[in-house]
C-alpha atoms as a PDB file:
ATOM      1  CA  MET A   1     322.134  68.895  76.359  1.00  0.00           C
ATOM      2  CA  ASN A   2     320.166  69.473  79.218  1.00  0.00           C
ATOM      3  CA  TYR A   3     322.422  69.733  82.160  1.00  0.00           C
ATOM      4  CA  LYS A   4     319.398  71.357  84.917  1.00  0.00           C
ATOM      5  CA  LYS A   5     317.611  68.851  84.389  1.00  0.00           C
ATOM      6  CA  ILE A   6     319.500  66.004  84.288  1.00  0.00           C
ATOM      7  CA  LEU A   7     321.396  67.147  87.719  1.00  0.00           C
ATOM      8  CA  GLN A   8     317.569  66.992  89.118  1.00  0.00           C
ATOM      9  CA  TYR A   9     317.118  64.012  87.348  1.00  0.00           C
ATOM     10  CA  LEU A  10     320.268  62.451  89.777  1.00  0.00           C
ATOM     11  CA  LEU A  11     319.075  64.407  92.580  1.00  0.00           C
ATOM     12  CA  ALA A  12     316.118  63.067  92.881  1.00  0.00           C
ATOM     13  CA  ALA A  13     317.542  59.506  92.349  1.00  0.00           C
ATOM     14  CA  VAL A  14     319.778  60.608  94.956  1.00  0.00           C
ATOM     15  CA  VAL A  15     317.294  60.859  97.248  1.00  0.00           C
ATOM     16  CA  ILE A  16     315.580  57.903  96.068  1.00  0.00           C
ATOM     17  CA  THR A  17     318.126  55.565  96.904  1.00  0.00           C
ATOM     18  CA  ALA A  18     318.872  57.351 100.697  1.00  0.00           C
ATOM     19  CA  MET A  19     315.582  56.801 101.210  1.00  0.00           C
ATOM     20  CA  VAL A  20     315.101  53.554 100.055  1.00  0.00           C
ATOM     21  CA  TYR A  21     318.343  52.057 101.357  1.00  0.00           C
ATOM     22  CA  PHE A  22     317.214  54.129 104.626  1.00  0.00           C
ATOM     23  CA  PHE A  23     313.998  51.786 105.476  1.00  0.00           C
ATOM     24  CA  TYR A  24     316.206  48.606 104.137  1.00  0.00           C
ATOM     25  CA  ASP A  25     318.600  49.269 106.685  1.00  0.00           C
ATOM     26  CA  GLN A  26     315.680  50.108 109.576  1.00  0.00           C
ATOM     27  CA  PHE A  27     313.527  46.566 108.376  1.00  0.00           C
ATOM     28  CA  LYS A  28     317.037  45.373 108.594  1.00  0.00           C
ATOM     29  CA  ARG A  29     317.540  46.853 112.356  1.00  0.00           C
ATOM     30  CA  ASN A  30     313.901  45.805 113.374  1.00  0.00           C
ATOM     31  CA  TRP A  31     313.491  42.725 111.543  1.00  0.00           C
ATOM     32  CA  ASP A  32     312.141  41.104 114.744  1.00  0.00           C
ATOM     33  CA  SER A  33     310.109  42.990 115.869  1.00  0.00           C
ATOM     34  CA  ILE A  34     308.488  44.097 112.174  1.00  0.00           C
ATOM     35  CA  GLN A  35     308.621  40.032 111.932  1.00  0.00           C
ATOM     36  CA  SER A  36     306.274  39.568 115.033  1.00  0.00           C
ATOM     37  CA  PHE A  37     304.066  41.224 113.351  1.00  0.00           C
ATOM     38  CA  HIS A  38     300.926  39.985 110.870  1.00  0.00           C
ATOM     39  CA  ILE A  39     298.704  42.076 108.657  1.00  0.00           C
ATOM     40  CA  VAL A  40     294.867  41.721 110.010  1.00  0.00           C
ATOM     41  CA  LEU A  41     292.631  43.729 106.706  1.00  0.00           C
ATOM     42  CA  ASN A  42     289.752  45.376 108.328  1.00  0.00           C
ATOM     43  CA  PRO A  43     287.320  46.561 105.154  1.00  0.00           C
ATOM     44  CA  TYR A  44     285.666  48.960 107.502  1.00  0.00           C
ATOM     45  CA  TYR A  45     288.781  50.200 108.612  1.00  0.00           C
ATOM     46  CA  LEU A  46     290.461  50.966 105.528  1.00  0.00           C
ATOM     47  CA  SER A  47     286.687  51.682 103.408  1.00  0.00           C
ATOM     48  CA  LEU A  48     287.003  54.358 105.929  1.00  0.00           C
ATOM     49  CA  SER A  49     290.165  55.206 105.855  1.00  0.00           C
ATOM     50  CA  PHE A  50     289.867  55.305 101.494  1.00  0.00           C
ATOM     51  CA  PHE A  51     287.117  57.975 101.416  1.00  0.00           C
ATOM     52  CA  LEU A  52     288.208  59.981 104.621  1.00  0.00           C
ATOM     53  CA  ILE A  53     291.342  60.457 101.975  1.00  0.00           C
ATOM     54  CA  PHE A  54     289.035  60.632  99.148  1.00  0.00           C
ATOM     55  CA  ILE A  55     287.049  63.755 101.010  1.00  0.00           C
ATOM     56  CA  ALA A  56     290.478  65.511 101.929  1.00  0.00           C
ATOM     57  CA  PHE A  57     291.766  65.291  98.212  1.00  0.00           C
ATOM     58  CA  LEU A  58     288.498  66.687  96.947  1.00  0.00           C
ATOM     59  CA  ILE A  59     288.443  69.485  99.289  1.00  0.00           C
ATOM     60  CA  ASP A  60     291.940  70.048  97.943  1.00  0.00           C
ATOM     61  CA  THR A  61     290.130  70.600  94.425  1.00  0.00           C
ATOM     62  CA  TYR A  62     287.434  72.582  95.871  1.00  0.00           C
ATOM     63  CA  ILE A  63     289.756  75.191  96.986  1.00  0.00           C
ATOM     64  CA  TRP A  64     292.183  75.636  93.907  1.00  0.00           C
ATOM     65  CA  LYS A  65     288.562  76.602  92.459  1.00  0.00           C
ATOM     66  CA  ILE A  66     287.288  78.765  94.608  1.00  0.00           C
ATOM     67  CA  CYS A  67     290.795  80.167  94.315  1.00  0.00           C
ATOM     68  CA  VAL A  68     290.304  80.191  90.115  1.00  0.00           C
ATOM     69  CA  ASN A  69     287.418  81.958  90.276  1.00  0.00           C
ATOM     70  CA  HIS A  70     287.726  84.418  92.342  1.00  0.00           C
ATOM     71  CA  TYR A  71     289.311  86.127  89.157  1.00  0.00           C
ATOM     72  CA  LEU A  72     287.013  84.037  86.224  1.00  0.00           C
ATOM     73  CA  LYS A  73     283.647  85.737  84.830  1.00  0.00           C
ATOM     74  CA  GLU A  74     283.276  82.634  83.037  1.00  0.00           C
ATOM     75  CA  LYS A  75     282.897  80.892  86.787  1.00  0.00           C
ATOM     76  CA  VAL A  76     285.306  77.344  85.963  1.00  0.00           C
ATOM     77  CA  ASN A  77     282.850  74.507  88.083  1.00  0.00           C
ATOM     78  CA  PHE A  78     283.401  71.279  90.414  1.00  0.00           C
ATOM     79  CA  PRO A  79     283.610  68.530  87.778  1.00  0.00           C
ATOM     80  CA  GLU A  80     286.105  71.534  85.361  1.00  0.00           C
ATOM     81  CA  SER A  81     288.503  71.593  88.211  1.00  0.00           C
ATOM     82  CA  LEU A  82     288.182  67.976  89.327  1.00  0.00           C
ATOM     83  CA  ALA A  83     289.662  67.304  85.634  1.00  0.00           C
ATOM     84  CA  PHE A  84     292.175  70.138  85.543  1.00  0.00           C
ATOM     85  CA  LEU A  85     293.888  69.863  88.736  1.00  0.00           C
ATOM     86  CA  ASN A  86     293.484  66.330  89.145  1.00  0.00           C
ATOM     87  CA  THR A  87     294.375  65.086  85.396  1.00  0.00           C
ATOM     88  CA  SER A  88     297.490  67.568  85.911  1.00  0.00           C
ATOM     89  CA  ASN A  89     298.057  65.954  88.682  1.00  0.00           C
ATOM     90  CA  LEU A  90     299.440  62.565  87.703  1.00  0.00           C
ATOM     91  CA  PHE A  91     302.370  64.217  85.716  1.00  0.00           C
ATOM     92  CA  LYS A  92     303.981  65.261  89.828  1.00  0.00           C
ATOM     93  CA  TYR A  93     304.769  61.348  89.994  1.00  0.00           C
ATOM     94  CA  ILE A  94     307.411  62.641  86.400  1.00  0.00           C
ATOM     95  CA  PRO A  95     310.199  64.446  88.266  1.00  0.00           C
ATOM     96  CA  GLY A  96     309.502  67.180  88.430  1.00  0.00           C
ATOM     97  CA  ARG A  97     306.591  68.736  89.665  1.00  0.00           C
ATOM     98  CA  ILE A  98     306.516  71.738  87.427  1.00  0.00           C
ATOM     99  CA  LEU A  99     306.087  68.909  84.930  1.00  0.00           C
ATOM    100  CA  ALA A 100     302.243  69.608  86.846  1.00  0.00           C
ATOM    101  CA  TYR A 101     301.889  72.489  86.024  1.00  0.00           C
ATOM    102  CA  THR A 102     302.553  73.184  82.386  1.00  0.00           C
ATOM    103  CA  VAL A 103     300.263  70.511  81.932  1.00  0.00           C
ATOM    104  CA  GLN A 104     297.642  72.271  83.717  1.00  0.00           C
ATOM    105  CA  ILE A 105     298.275  75.100  82.039  1.00  0.00           C
ATOM    106  CA  ALA A 106     297.447  73.503  78.482  1.00  0.00           C
ATOM    107  CA  LEU A 107     294.425  71.583  79.734  1.00  0.00           C
ATOM    108  CA  MET A 108     293.247  74.894  80.550  1.00  0.00           C
ATOM    109  CA  SER A 109     293.931  75.839  77.572  1.00  0.00           C
ATOM    110  CA  ARG A 110     290.232  76.233  76.007  1.00  0.00           C
ATOM    111  CA  LYS A 111     288.951  77.863  78.713  1.00  0.00           C
ATOM    112  CA  ASN A 112     291.321  81.019  77.885  1.00  0.00           C
ATOM    113  CA  ILE A 113     292.098  81.446  80.921  1.00  0.00           C
ATOM    114  CA  ALA A 114     295.857  83.060  81.550  1.00  0.00           C
ATOM    115  CA  LYS A 115     298.657  80.838  82.180  1.00  0.00           C
ATOM    116  CA  SER A 116     299.780  83.752  84.825  1.00  0.00           C
ATOM    117  CA  LEU A 117     296.645  83.254  87.225  1.00  0.00           C
ATOM    118  CA  ILE A 118     297.438  79.519  87.381  1.00  0.00           C
ATOM    119  CA  LEU A 119     300.795  79.584  88.539  1.00  0.00           C
ATOM    120  CA  TYR A 120     299.930  82.335  90.932  1.00  0.00           C
ATOM    121  CA  VAL A 121     297.035  80.451  92.040  1.00  0.00           C
ATOM    122  CA  ASN A 122     299.017  77.677  93.040  1.00  0.00           C
ATOM    123  CA  PHE A 123     301.472  79.648  94.088  1.00  0.00           C
ATOM    124  CA  VAL A 124     299.115  80.859  96.309  1.00  0.00           C
ATOM    125  CA  THR A 125     297.879  77.385  98.514  1.00  0.00           C
ATOM    126  CA  LEU A 126     301.541  76.500  98.620  1.00  0.00           C
ATOM    127  CA  LEU A 127     301.263  78.752 100.852  1.00  0.00           C
ATOM    128  CA  CYS A 128     298.480  78.333 102.420  1.00  0.00           C
ATOM    129  CA  VAL A 129     300.091  75.376 102.753  1.00  0.00           C
ATOM    130  CA  ILE A 130     302.566  75.744 103.755  1.00  0.00           C
ATOM    131  CA  ILE A 131     301.294  78.311 107.062  1.00  0.00           C
ATOM    132  CA  ILE A 132     299.356  75.915 108.138  1.00  0.00           C
ATOM    133  CA  SER A 133     301.365  72.675 107.881  1.00  0.00           C
ATOM    134  CA  THR A 134     303.995  75.093 109.780  1.00  0.00           C
ATOM    135  CA  MET A 135     301.366  75.775 112.495  1.00  0.00           C
ATOM    136  CA  TYR A 136     300.662  72.282 113.122  1.00  0.00           C
ATOM    137  CA  GLY A 137     304.494  70.746 112.953  1.00  0.00           C
ATOM    138  CA  LEU A 138     304.426  73.899 115.996  1.00  0.00           C
ATOM    139  CA  LEU A 139     301.633  71.971 118.006  1.00  0.00           C
ATOM    140  CA  TYR A 140     303.751  68.488 117.415  1.00  0.00           C
ATOM    141  CA  LEU A 141     307.203  70.225 118.813  1.00  0.00           C
ATOM    142  CA  LEU A 142     304.470  71.227 121.950  1.00  0.00           C
ATOM    143  CA  PHE A 143     302.715  67.976 123.027  1.00  0.00           C
ATOM    144  CA  TYR A 144     305.275  65.864 121.418  1.00  0.00           C
ATOM    145  CA  LEU A 145     308.217  66.232 121.653  1.00  0.00           C
ATOM    146  CA  LYS A 146     308.283  68.961 124.481  1.00  0.00           C
ATOM    147  CA  ILE A 147     312.226  70.077 122.895  1.00  0.00           C
ATOM    148  CA  LEU A 148     311.561  73.195 123.955  1.00  0.00           C
ATOM    149  CA  SER A 149     309.811  74.979 127.141  1.00  0.00           C
ATOM    150  CA  MET A 150     305.802  75.622 127.399  1.00  0.00           C
ATOM    151  CA  LEU A 151     306.537  79.130 127.467  1.00  0.00           C
ATOM    152  CA  ILE A 152     308.796  79.023 124.295  1.00  0.00           C
ATOM    153  CA  SER A 153     307.089  77.479 122.559  1.00  0.00           C
ATOM    154  CA  ILE A 154     304.083  79.494 122.882  1.00  0.00           C
ATOM    155  CA  LEU A 155     305.967  82.365 121.933  1.00  0.00           C
ATOM    156  CA  ILE A 156     307.194  80.614 118.469  1.00  0.00           C
ATOM    157  CA  PHE A 157     303.808  79.522 117.724  1.00  0.00           C
ATOM    158  CA  ALA A 158     301.684  83.271 118.859  1.00  0.00           C
ATOM    159  CA  SER A 159     304.510  84.764 116.189  1.00  0.00           C
ATOM    160  CA  LEU A 160     304.161  81.970 113.649  1.00  0.00           C
ATOM    161  CA  PHE A 161     299.631  83.544 114.012  1.00  0.00           C
ATOM    162  CA  ILE A 162     301.294  87.280 113.989  1.00  0.00           C
ATOM    163  CA  ALA A 163     303.439  86.809 110.482  1.00  0.00           C
ATOM    164  CA  ASP A 164     300.332  85.045 108.997  1.00  0.00           C
ATOM    165  CA  VAL A 165     298.219  88.178 110.366  1.00  0.00           C
ATOM    166  CA  VAL A 166     300.005  90.530 108.357  1.00  0.00           C
ATOM    167  CA  PHE A 167     300.651  88.377 105.546  1.00  0.00           C
ATOM    168  CA  ILE A 168     297.397  88.433 104.855  1.00  0.00           C
ATOM    169  CA  VAL A 169     296.916  91.590 105.821  1.00  0.00           C
ATOM    170  CA  PHE A 170     299.662  92.537 103.297  1.00  0.00           C
ATOM    171  CA  ASN A 171     299.190  89.371 101.443  1.00  0.00           C
ATOM    172  CA  THR A 172     299.369  91.165  97.574  1.00  0.00           C
ATOM    173  CA  ASN A 173     302.681  93.163  98.608  1.00  0.00           C
ATOM    174  CA  ILE A 174     304.103  89.992 100.067  1.00  0.00           C
ATOM    175  CA  ILE A 175     303.249  87.526  97.611  1.00  0.00           C
ATOM    176  CA  ASN A 176     304.661  90.309  94.673  1.00  0.00           C
ATOM    177  CA  TRP A 177     307.390  89.970  96.325  1.00  0.00           C
ATOM    178  CA  LEU A 178     307.542  86.825  96.481  1.00  0.00           C
ATOM    179  CA  ILE A 179     307.040  86.553  93.631  1.00  0.00           C
ATOM    180  CA  ILE A 180     310.114  88.006  91.907  1.00  0.00           C
ATOM    181  CA  GLY A 181     311.952  85.326  93.763  1.00  0.00           C
ATOM    182  CA  VAL A 182     310.573  82.878  91.686  1.00  0.00           C
ATOM    183  CA  ASN A 183     310.123  84.575  88.437  1.00  0.00           C
ATOM    184  CA  ARG A 184     313.975  84.738  88.768  1.00  0.00           C
ATOM    185  CA  PHE A 185     314.985  81.141  90.265  1.00  0.00           C
ATOM    186  CA  PHE A 186     312.158  78.815  88.265  1.00  0.00           C
ATOM    187  CA  ARG A 187     312.310  81.216  84.732  1.00  0.00           C
ATOM    188  CA  MET A 188     308.781  81.589  85.721  1.00  0.00           C
ATOM    189  CA  GLU A 189     306.034  84.775  84.411  1.00  0.00           C
ATOM    190  CA  ILE A 190     304.103  85.461  86.787  1.00  0.00           C
ATOM    191  CA  GLN A 191     302.159  88.855  87.066  1.00  0.00           C
ATOM    192  CA  PRO A 192     301.270  90.423  90.743  1.00  0.00           C
ATOM    193  CA  ILE A 193     297.572  89.627  90.944  1.00  0.00           C
ATOM    194  CA  LYS A 194     295.998  91.012  94.267  1.00  0.00           C
ATOM    195  CA  MET A 195     294.124  88.320  96.731  1.00  0.00           C
ATOM    196  CA  SER A 196     290.808  89.542  98.548  1.00  0.00           C
ATOM    197  CA  LYS A 197     292.118  89.218 102.663  1.00  0.00           C
ATOM    198  CA  ARG A 198     288.863  87.068 102.968  1.00  0.00           C
ATOM    199  CA  LEU A 199     289.381  84.628 100.327  1.00  0.00           C
ATOM    200  CA  LEU A 200     292.855  83.820 102.128  1.00  0.00           C
ATOM    201  CA  ILE A 201     292.246  83.545 105.665  1.00  0.00           C
ATOM    202  CA  TYR A 202     288.695  80.595 104.121  1.00  0.00           C
ATOM    203  CA  ILE A 203     291.214  78.905 102.481  1.00  0.00           C
ATOM    204  CA  GLN A 204     293.726  78.521 105.843  1.00  0.00           C
ATOM    205  CA  PHE A 205     290.847  77.713 108.166  1.00  0.00           C
ATOM    206  CA  ILE A 206     289.372  74.940 105.126  1.00  0.00           C
ATOM    207  CA  TYR A 207     293.215  73.185 105.020  1.00  0.00           C
ATOM    208  CA  VAL A 208     292.233  73.619 109.153  1.00  0.00           C
ATOM    209  CA  MET A 209     289.349  71.137 108.289  1.00  0.00           C
ATOM    210  CA  ALA A 210     290.586  69.506 105.435  1.00  0.00           C
ATOM    211  CA  TYR A 211     293.788  67.638 107.699  1.00  0.00           C
ATOM    212  CA  ILE A 212     291.215  66.021 110.364  1.00  0.00           C
ATOM    213  CA  PRO A 213     290.132  64.012 108.561  1.00  0.00           C
ATOM    214  CA  VAL A 214     293.801  62.357 107.282  1.00  0.00           C
ATOM    215  CA  GLY A 215     294.925  62.981 110.098  1.00  0.00           C
ATOM    216  CA  ILE A 216     291.444  60.490 111.064  1.00  0.00           C
ATOM    217  CA  GLY A 217     291.883  58.644 107.606  1.00  0.00           C
ATOM    218  CA  ILE A 218     295.193  58.047 108.330  1.00  0.00           C
ATOM    219  CA  ILE A 219     294.505  56.130 112.077  1.00  0.00           C
ATOM    220  CA  MET A 220     291.849  54.375 110.174  1.00  0.00           C
ATOM    221  CA  LEU A 221     294.469  53.023 107.453  1.00  0.00           C
ATOM    222  CA  ALA A 222     297.296  51.676 110.173  1.00  0.00           C
ATOM    223  CA  ARG A 223     293.954  49.317 111.736  1.00  0.00           C
ATOM    224  CA  GLY A 224     292.482  48.543 108.795  1.00  0.00           C
ATOM    225  CA  ILE A 225     295.991  46.724 108.727  1.00  0.00           C
ATOM    226  CA  GLY A 226     296.798  45.436 111.962  1.00  0.00           C
ATOM    227  CA  ILE A 227     298.252  48.318 114.030  1.00  0.00           C
ATOM    228  CA  ASN A 228     296.558  50.457 116.679  1.00  0.00           C
ATOM    229  CA  ILE A 229     296.259  54.162 116.910  1.00  0.00           C
ATOM    230  CA  SER A 230     294.886  55.479 119.503  1.00  0.00           C
ATOM    231  CA  PHE A 231     293.421  58.220 118.509  1.00  0.00           C
ATOM    232  CA  SER A 232     293.708  60.693 122.006  1.00  0.00           C
ATOM    233  CA  ASP A 233     296.880  60.734 119.042  1.00  0.00           C
ATOM    234  CA  SER A 234     295.503  62.361 115.925  1.00  0.00           C
ATOM    235  CA  LEU A 235     297.342  65.422 116.773  1.00  0.00           C
ATOM    236  CA  ALA A 236     299.981  64.075 116.497  1.00  0.00           C
ATOM    237  CA  VAL A 237     299.050  61.957 113.557  1.00  0.00           C
ATOM    238  CA  ILE A 238     297.524  65.151 111.834  1.00  0.00           C
ATOM    239  CA  ALA A 239     300.903  66.995 111.834  1.00  0.00           C
ATOM    240  CA  SER A 240     303.395  63.927 110.854  1.00  0.00           C
ATOM    241  CA  MET A 241     300.174  64.105 107.480  1.00  0.00           C
ATOM    242  CA  ALA A 242     300.500  67.286 106.785  1.00  0.00           C
ATOM    243  CA  VAL A 243     304.598  68.558 107.804  1.00  0.00           C
ATOM    244  CA  SER A 244     305.842  64.647 105.111  1.00  0.00           C
ATOM    245  CA  TRP A 245     303.008  66.064 102.843  1.00  0.00           C
ATOM    246  CA  THR A 246     304.537  69.602 102.108  1.00  0.00           C
ATOM    247  CA  THR A 247     308.069  68.656 102.521  1.00  0.00           C
ATOM    248  CA  GLY A 248     306.772  66.350  99.767  1.00  0.00           C
ATOM    249  CA  TYR A 249     305.452  68.306  97.971  1.00  0.00           C
ATOM    250  CA  LEU A 250     308.499  71.414  98.276  1.00  0.00           C
ATOM    251  CA  ALA A 251     311.688  68.428  96.917  1.00  0.00           C
ATOM    252  CA  ILE A 252     310.125  69.031  93.396  1.00  0.00           C
ATOM    253  CA  PHE A 253     312.712  67.562  92.187  1.00  0.00           C
ATOM    254  CA  THR A 254     311.751  63.940  93.294  1.00  0.00           C
ATOM    255  CA  PRO A 255     308.443  61.934  91.350  1.00  0.00           C
ATOM    256  CA  GLY A 256     305.686  63.165  93.864  1.00  0.00           C
ATOM    257  CA  GLY A 257     307.939  63.753  96.423  1.00  0.00           C
ATOM    258  CA  LEU A 258     308.744  60.059  96.817  1.00  0.00           C
ATOM    259  CA  GLY A 259     311.014  59.266 100.024  1.00  0.00           C
ATOM    260  CA  VAL A 260     311.100  62.271 101.251  1.00  0.00           C
ATOM    261  CA  ARG A 261     307.752  62.937 102.379  1.00  0.00           C
ATOM    262  CA  GLU A 262     307.813  59.078 104.129  1.00  0.00           C
ATOM    263  CA  GLY A 263     311.297  59.749 105.966  1.00  0.00           C
ATOM    264  CA  ILE A 264     309.882  62.945 107.769  1.00  0.00           C
ATOM    265  CA  MET A 265     307.038  60.309 108.629  1.00  0.00           C
ATOM    266  CA  PHE A 266     309.211  58.123 109.801  1.00  0.00           C
ATOM    267  CA  LEU A 267     310.946  60.583 112.044  1.00  0.00           C
ATOM    268  CA  MET A 268     307.795  62.362 113.733  1.00  0.00           C
ATOM    269  CA  LEU A 269     305.589  58.829 113.427  1.00  0.00           C
ATOM    270  CA  LYS A 270     308.348  57.265 115.707  1.00  0.00           C
ATOM    271  CA  GLN A 271     308.342  59.849 118.609  1.00  0.00           C
ATOM    272  CA  PHE A 272     304.688  59.049 120.024  1.00  0.00           C
ATOM    273  CA  SER A 273     304.084  55.122 118.327  1.00  0.00           C
ATOM    274  CA  ASN A 274     305.854  51.953 117.927  1.00  0.00           C
ATOM    275  CA  VAL A 275     308.875  51.134 114.969  1.00  0.00           C
ATOM    276  CA  GLN A 276     306.016  48.899 112.900  1.00  0.00           C
ATOM    277  CA  CYS A 277     303.584  51.705 112.642  1.00  0.00           C
ATOM    278  CA  ALA A 278     306.719  54.399 112.135  1.00  0.00           C
ATOM    279  CA  LEU A 279     307.539  51.839 108.729  1.00  0.00           C
ATOM    280  CA  ILE A 280     304.828  50.233 107.887  1.00  0.00           C
ATOM    281  CA  ILE A 281     302.631  53.777 107.901  1.00  0.00           C
ATOM    282  CA  PRO A 282     303.882  55.445 105.822  1.00  0.00           C
ATOM    283  CA  ILE A 283     304.404  53.284 102.938  1.00  0.00           C
ATOM    284  CA  ALA A 284     300.725  52.111 103.318  1.00  0.00           C
ATOM    285  CA  SER A 285     299.659  56.076 103.244  1.00  0.00           C
ATOM    286  CA  ARG A 286     302.065  56.604  99.843  1.00  0.00           C
ATOM    287  CA  LEU A 287     300.402  53.471  98.791  1.00  0.00           C
ATOM    288  CA  LEU A 288     296.401  54.741  99.291  1.00  0.00           C
ATOM    289  CA  TYR A 289     297.315  58.300  98.644  1.00  0.00           C
ATOM    290  CA  THR A 290     298.672  56.475  95.031  1.00  0.00           C
ATOM    291  CA  ILE A 291     295.673  55.242  94.095  1.00  0.00           C
ATOM    292  CA  ILE A 292     292.640  58.072  95.490  1.00  0.00           C
ATOM    293  CA  GLU A 293     295.501  59.722  92.866  1.00  0.00           C
ATOM    294  CA  ALA A 294     295.351  57.942  90.400  1.00  0.00           C
ATOM    295  CA  GLY A 295     291.473  57.395  90.831  1.00  0.00           C
ATOM    296  CA  LEU A 296     290.554  61.215  90.103  1.00  0.00           C
ATOM    297  CA  GLY A 297     293.287  61.724  87.655  1.00  0.00           C
ATOM    298  CA  GLY A 298     290.842  58.804  85.849  1.00  0.00           C
ATOM    299  CA  ILE A 299     287.762  60.293  86.979  1.00  0.00           C
ATOM    300  CA  GLY A 300     288.760  63.630  85.672  1.00  0.00           C
ATOM    301  CA  LEU A 301     290.719  62.290  82.668  1.00  0.00           C
ATOM    302  CA  LEU A 302     287.480  60.593  81.841  1.00  0.00           C
ATOM    303  CA  ILE A 303     285.010  64.105  82.446  1.00  0.00           C
ATOM    304  CA  GLY A 304     287.172  65.734  80.510  1.00  0.00           C
ATOM    305  CA  ILE A 305     286.989  63.798  77.275  1.00  0.00           C
ATOM    306  CA  LYS A 306     283.288  63.313  77.499  1.00  0.00           C
ATOM    307  CA  TYR A 307     283.036  66.633  77.717  1.00  0.00           C
ATOM    308  CA  LYS A 308     285.283  67.810  75.799  1.00  0.00           C
ATOM    309  CA  ILE A 309     286.379  70.038  78.840  1.00  0.00           C
ATOM    310  CA  PHE A 310     290.338  69.718  77.411  1.00  0.00           C
ATOM    311  CA  SER A 311     291.465  71.807  74.504  1.00  0.00           C
ATOM    312  CA  MET A 312     292.643  69.802  71.814  1.00  0.00           C
ATOM    313  CA  ALA A 313     296.404  71.813  72.070  1.00  0.00           C
ATOM    314  CA  ALA A 314     296.899  70.032  75.159  1.00  0.00           C
ATOM    315  CA  PHE A 315     296.726  66.915  73.577  1.00  0.00           C
ATOM    316  CA  GLN A 316     298.917  67.669  71.087  1.00  0.00           C
ATOM    317  CA  GLY A 317     301.609  70.002  72.278  1.00  0.00           C
ATOM    318  CA  LYS A 318     300.330  73.314  71.205  1.00  0.00           C
ATOM    319  CA  LYS A 319     300.540  76.518  72.537  1.00  0.00           C
ATOM    320  CA  LYS A 320     298.633  79.222  72.769  1.00  0.00           C
ATOM    321  CA  ASP A 321     299.148  82.712  73.737  1.00  0.00           C
ATOM    322  CA  ASN A 322     297.035  82.978  76.732  1.00  0.00           C
ATOM    323  CA  GLU A 323     299.118  85.581  78.486  1.00  0.00           C
ATOM    324  CA  LYS A 324     296.122  88.298  79.066  1.00  0.00           C
ATOM    325  CA  VAL A 325     294.476  87.590  82.426  1.00  0.00           C
ATOM    326  CA  PRO A 326     291.250  87.587  83.136  1.00  0.00           C
END
């Protein structure tokens, strides 16, 4: 009996149950306010929201593509990246997220790409997302919560920026040191690989820019269902999405960060918006994200099957030896 997996499922069930109860309690306490809210669908805003979030997901695929191609002689094109990444992302809704990486490795077996390389790329991109999300979170603390003085907030932000510069300059040593801990904790086999400083800067810059359509897309989503969020609060919306998304991503014991992401978003939105927005938008955004992820996963699966991108071993459950890094 796999007690670790049982514990993981139990923990996921506890977290999801707790968040369901939390939102139920909040809806119950604020029922008068919620009851007075009437959904007014605006197809223009909803379509624009869908388009912006869809573009953000494609940007994520592009980042993954350039990272993988940095180490390959036989490059992966964008349709292949769409197939590999987005098809495997469908499995993140089965706790935990490690399964998505396992599927990604299996799907890419036909390209003879080492699984250590795939794990390394996902690990590096995750670190970059955490750094950028933390920066957005600190800007949120500085301009919205104002729980710290301006001087302390600036010092913290400057410290994070300096730490990021150190990370970029000494990325090979730092990442490979972190990999040792990851290998021990998750029992993975990620091999040390050198990462280009220029590529790291480029990745982080794209992530900074990618969160902009996400934030505007959520504002459009809110307006599309009758909730007015001012564009002056764009930074706060971007920060709430960045922090909640990353926190949910790190919550590998829940399917797709379910519950964790919504809880964090509620707490952050509540600080600058009304309770209707804080309760409804996390649920509405989850629905929108799930639709887009399922759509991209379906598109990726069709591309993979039509152009025979996937290895048959990926579907038959066979294991291939792809340990040699190109």
